[in-house]
């Protein structure tokens, strides 16, 4: 609850980085879990 704050109160950089990393994470989850070309057994390992 506020224990870690952006360096030098750079909130825009923290927001942008969080948004970018969340997008990449969701891309990996949807790509490995829902794509028919991917192997079902490796989806959990990829997401982890």
PDB file of N, CA and C in Angstrom:
ATOM      1  N   UNK A   1       0.831  -1.183   0.000  1.00  0.00           N
ATOM      2  CA  UNK A   1       0.000   0.000   0.000  1.00  0.00           C
ATOM      3  C   UNK A   1       0.877   1.247   0.000  1.00  0.00           C
ATOM      4  N   UNK A   2       1.618   1.438  -1.061  1.00  0.00           N
ATOM      5  CA  UNK A   2       2.456   2.620  -1.178  1.00  0.00           C
ATOM      6  C   UNK A   2       3.861   2.420  -0.655  1.00  0.00           C
ATOM      7  N   UNK A   3       4.261   1.170  -0.417  1.00  0.00           N
ATOM      8  CA  UNK A   3       5.605   0.924   0.099  1.00  0.00           C
ATOM      9  C   UNK A   3       6.666   1.178  -0.968  1.00  0.00           C
ATOM     10  N   UNK A   4       6.325   0.912  -2.207  1.00  0.00           N
ATOM     11  CA  UNK A   4       7.258   1.192  -3.299  1.00  0.00           C
ATOM     12  C   UNK A   4       6.653   2.277  -4.171  1.00  0.00           C
ATOM     13  N   UNK A   5       7.406   3.310  -4.394  1.00  0.00           N
ATOM     14  CA  UNK A   5       6.965   4.445  -5.199  1.00  0.00           C
ATOM     15  C   UNK A   5       7.905   4.614  -6.384  1.00  0.00           C
ATOM     16  N   UNK A   6       7.422   5.201  -7.470  1.00  0.00           N
ATOM     17  CA  UNK A   6       8.309   5.445  -8.620  1.00  0.00           C
ATOM     18  C   UNK A   6       9.470   6.365  -8.242  1.00  0.00           C
ATOM     19  N   UNK A   7      10.614   6.118  -8.870  1.00  0.00           N
ATOM     20  CA  UNK A   7      11.808   6.910  -8.609  1.00  0.00           C
ATOM     21  C   UNK A   7      11.568   8.357  -9.029  1.00  0.00           C
ATOM     22  N   UNK A   8      11.881   9.283  -8.173  1.00  0.00           N
ATOM     23  CA  UNK A   8      11.737  10.719  -8.421  1.00  0.00           C
ATOM     24  C   UNK A   8      10.310  11.115  -8.798  1.00  0.00           C
ATOM     25  N   UNK A   9       9.338  10.411  -8.259  1.00  0.00           N
ATOM     26  CA  UNK A   9       7.915  10.670  -8.535  1.00  0.00           C
ATOM     27  C   UNK A   9       7.599  10.691 -10.021  1.00  0.00           C
ATOM     28  N   UNK A  10       8.205   9.783 -10.770  1.00  0.00           N
ATOM     29  CA  UNK A  10       7.975   9.692 -12.211  1.00  0.00           C
ATOM     30  C   UNK A  10       6.814   8.722 -12.450  1.00  0.00           C
ATOM     31  N   UNK A  11       5.598   9.197 -12.235  1.00  0.00           N
ATOM     32  CA  UNK A  11       4.403   8.357 -12.304  1.00  0.00           C
ATOM     33  C   UNK A  11       4.089   7.940 -13.741  1.00  0.00           C
ATOM     34  N   UNK A  12       4.340   8.819 -14.712  1.00  0.00           N
ATOM     35  CA  UNK A  12       4.046   8.475 -16.100  1.00  0.00           C
ATOM     36  C   UNK A  12       4.904   7.304 -16.574  1.00  0.00           C
ATOM     37  N   UNK A  13       6.171   7.307 -16.237  1.00  0.00           N
ATOM     38  CA  UNK A  13       7.058   6.221 -16.647  1.00  0.00           C
ATOM     39  C   UNK A  13       6.629   4.909 -15.994  1.00  0.00           C
ATOM     40  N   UNK A  14       6.259   4.944 -14.735  1.00  0.00           N
ATOM     41  CA  UNK A  14       5.816   3.739 -14.049  1.00  0.00           C
ATOM     42  C   UNK A  14       4.512   3.207 -14.658  1.00  0.00           C
ATOM     43  N   UNK A  15       3.588   4.111 -14.975  1.00  0.00           N
ATOM     44  CA  UNK A  15       2.320   3.709 -15.586  1.00  0.00           C
ATOM     45  C   UNK A  15       2.552   3.106 -16.962  1.00  0.00           C
ATOM     46  N   UNK A  16       3.413   3.740 -17.771  1.00  0.00           N
ATOM     47  CA  UNK A  16       3.701   3.241 -19.116  1.00  0.00           C
ATOM     48  C   UNK A  16       4.352   1.863 -19.061  1.00  0.00           C
ATOM     49  N   UNK A  17       5.315   1.685 -18.188  1.00  0.00           N
ATOM     50  CA  UNK A  17       5.995   0.401 -18.070  1.00  0.00           C
ATOM     51  C   UNK A  17       5.044  -0.683 -17.586  1.00  0.00           C
ATOM     52  N   UNK A  18       4.212  -0.375 -16.632  1.00  0.00           N
ATOM     53  CA  UNK A  18       3.238  -1.348 -16.134  1.00  0.00           C
ATOM     54  C   UNK A  18       2.256  -1.741 -17.230  1.00  0.00           C
ATOM     55  N   UNK A  19       1.804  -0.772 -18.016  1.00  0.00           N
ATOM     56  CA  UNK A  19       0.881  -1.057 -19.112  1.00  0.00           C
ATOM     57  C   UNK A  19       1.550  -1.926 -20.175  1.00  0.00           C
ATOM     58  N   UNK A  20       2.780  -1.608 -20.526  1.00  0.00           N
ATOM     59  CA  UNK A  20       3.504  -2.379 -21.529  1.00  0.00           C
ATOM     60  C   UNK A  20       3.734  -3.817 -21.067  1.00  0.00           C
ATOM     61  N   UNK A  21       4.182  -4.000 -19.844  1.00  0.00           N
ATOM     62  CA  UNK A  21       4.448  -5.351 -19.338  1.00  0.00           C
ATOM     63  C   UNK A  21       3.167  -6.159 -19.175  1.00  0.00           C
ATOM     64  N   UNK A  22       2.069  -5.512 -18.807  1.00  0.00           N
ATOM     65  CA  UNK A  22       0.792  -6.210 -18.717  1.00  0.00           C
ATOM     66  C   UNK A  22       0.329  -6.654 -20.097  1.00  0.00           C
ATOM     67  N   UNK A  23       0.527  -5.801 -21.112  1.00  0.00           N
ATOM     68  CA  UNK A  23       0.178  -6.169 -22.479  1.00  0.00           C
ATOM     69  C   UNK A  23       0.981  -7.387 -22.939  1.00  0.00           C
ATOM     70  N   UNK A  24       2.272  -7.396 -22.668  1.00  0.00           N
ATOM     71  CA  UNK A  24       3.123  -8.522 -23.066  1.00  0.00           C
ATOM     72  C   UNK A  24       2.694  -9.786 -22.339  1.00  0.00           C
ATOM     73  N   UNK A  25       2.395  -9.687 -21.058  1.00  0.00           N
ATOM     74  CA  UNK A  25       1.946 -10.856 -20.291  1.00  0.00           C
ATOM     75  C   UNK A  25       0.646 -11.408 -20.861  1.00  0.00           C
ATOM     76  N   UNK A  26      -0.312 -10.544 -21.154  1.00  0.00           N
ATOM     77  CA  UNK A  26      -1.574 -11.008 -21.718  1.00  0.00           C
ATOM     78  C   UNK A  26      -1.385 -11.599 -23.112  1.00  0.00           C
ATOM     79  N   UNK A  27      -0.467 -11.050 -23.888  1.00  0.00           N
ATOM     80  CA  UNK A  27      -0.166 -11.595 -25.204  1.00  0.00           C
ATOM     81  C   UNK A  27       0.378 -13.021 -25.094  1.00  0.00           C
ATOM     82  N   UNK A  28       1.260 -13.248 -24.136  1.00  0.00           N
ATOM     83  CA  UNK A  28       1.821 -14.586 -23.927  1.00  0.00           C
ATOM     84  C   UNK A  28       0.743 -15.543 -23.442  1.00  0.00           C
ATOM     85  N   UNK A  29      -0.091 -15.102 -22.507  1.00  0.00           N
ATOM     86  CA  UNK A  29      -1.138 -15.973 -21.972  1.00  0.00           C
ATOM     87  C   UNK A  29      -2.129 -16.355 -23.064  1.00  0.00           C
ATOM     88  N   UNK A  30      -2.601 -15.381 -23.813  1.00  0.00           N
ATOM     89  CA  UNK A  30      -3.568 -15.673 -24.856  1.00  0.00           C
ATOM     90  C   UNK A  30      -2.938 -16.454 -26.004  1.00  0.00           C
ATOM     91  N   UNK A  31      -1.695 -16.165 -26.314  1.00  0.00           N
ATOM     92  CA  UNK A  31      -1.030 -16.876 -27.400  1.00  0.00           C
ATOM     93  C   UNK A  31      -0.731 -18.325 -27.077  1.00  0.00           C
ATOM     94  N   UNK A  32      -0.335 -18.599 -25.866  1.00  0.00           N
ATOM     95  CA  UNK A  32       0.023 -19.976 -25.518  1.00  0.00           C
ATOM     96  C   UNK A  32      -1.168 -20.780 -25.019  1.00  0.00           C
ATOM     97  N   UNK A  33      -2.163 -20.124 -24.492  1.00  0.00           N
ATOM     98  CA  UNK A  33      -3.295 -20.852 -23.942  1.00  0.00           C
ATOM     99  C   UNK A  33      -4.445 -21.055 -24.902  1.00  0.00           C
ATOM    100  N   UNK A  34      -4.612 -20.183 -25.872  1.00  0.00           N
ATOM    101  CA  UNK A  34      -5.782 -20.252 -26.739  1.00  0.00           C
ATOM    102  C   UNK A  34      -5.475 -20.539 -28.193  1.00  0.00           C
ATOM    103  N   UNK A  35      -4.239 -20.395 -28.611  1.00  0.00           N
ATOM    104  CA  UNK A  35      -3.892 -20.616 -30.009  1.00  0.00           C
ATOM    105  C   UNK A  35      -3.895 -22.110 -30.312  1.00  0.00           C
ATOM    106  N   UNK A  36      -4.491 -22.491 -31.423  1.00  0.00           N
ATOM    107  CA  UNK A  36      -4.589 -23.916 -31.773  1.00  0.00           C
ATOM    108  C   UNK A  36      -3.240 -24.506 -32.175  1.00  0.00           C
ATOM    109  N   UNK A  37      -2.305 -23.665 -32.616  1.00  0.00           N
ATOM    110  CA  UNK A  37      -0.999 -24.158 -33.047  1.00  0.00           C
ATOM    111  C   UNK A  37      -0.065 -24.465 -31.879  1.00  0.00           C
ATOM    112  N   UNK A  38      -0.367 -23.949 -30.706  1.00  0.00           N
ATOM    113  CA  UNK A  38       0.522 -24.159 -29.557  1.00  0.00           C
ATOM    114  C   UNK A  38       0.241 -25.506 -28.904  1.00  0.00           C
ATOM    115  N   UNK A  39       1.250 -26.038 -28.233  1.00  0.00           N
ATOM    116  CA  UNK A  39       1.106 -27.299 -27.532  1.00  0.00           C
ATOM    117  C   UNK A  39       0.428 -27.048 -26.194  1.00  0.00           C
ATOM    118  N   UNK A  40      -0.610 -27.777 -25.908  1.00  0.00           N
ATOM    119  CA  UNK A  40      -1.395 -27.562 -24.691  1.00  0.00           C
ATOM    120  C   UNK A  40      -0.593 -27.868 -23.427  1.00  0.00           C
ATOM    121  N   UNK A  41       0.301 -28.807 -23.486  1.00  0.00           N
ATOM    122  CA  UNK A  41       1.049 -29.190 -22.301  1.00  0.00           C
ATOM    123  C   UNK A  41       2.035 -28.144 -21.820  1.00  0.00           C
ATOM    124  N   UNK A  42       2.440 -27.251 -22.692  1.00  0.00           N
ATOM    125  CA  UNK A  42       3.441 -26.248 -22.334  1.00  0.00           C
ATOM    126  C   UNK A  42       2.846 -24.882 -21.985  1.00  0.00           C
ATOM    127  N   UNK A  43       1.529 -24.745 -22.029  1.00  0.00           N
ATOM    128  CA  UNK A  43       0.904 -23.451 -21.769  1.00  0.00           C
ATOM    129  C   UNK A  43       1.187 -22.977 -20.346  1.00  0.00           C
ATOM    130  N   UNK A  44       1.093 -23.855 -19.382  1.00  0.00           N
ATOM    131  CA  UNK A  44       1.343 -23.479 -17.988  1.00  0.00           C
ATOM    132  C   UNK A  44       2.784 -23.069 -17.736  1.00  0.00           C
ATOM    133  N   UNK A  45       3.709 -23.762 -18.373  1.00  0.00           N
ATOM    134  CA  UNK A  45       5.129 -23.424 -18.219  1.00  0.00           C
ATOM    135  C   UNK A  45       5.420 -22.062 -18.842  1.00  0.00           C
ATOM    136  N   UNK A  46       4.828 -21.797 -19.991  1.00  0.00           N
ATOM    137  CA  UNK A  46       5.042 -20.522 -20.672  1.00  0.00           C
ATOM    138  C   UNK A  46       4.472 -19.369 -19.857  1.00  0.00           C
ATOM    139  N   UNK A  47       3.304 -19.562 -19.305  1.00  0.00           N
ATOM    140  CA  UNK A  47       2.656 -18.500 -18.532  1.00  0.00           C
ATOM    141  C   UNK A  47       3.393 -18.259 -17.222  1.00  0.00           C
ATOM    142  N   UNK A  48       3.900 -19.318 -16.620  1.00  0.00           N
ATOM    143  CA  UNK A  48       4.603 -19.172 -15.351  1.00  0.00           C
ATOM    144  C   UNK A  48       5.843 -18.375 -15.540  1.00  0.00           C
TER     145      UNK A  48
END
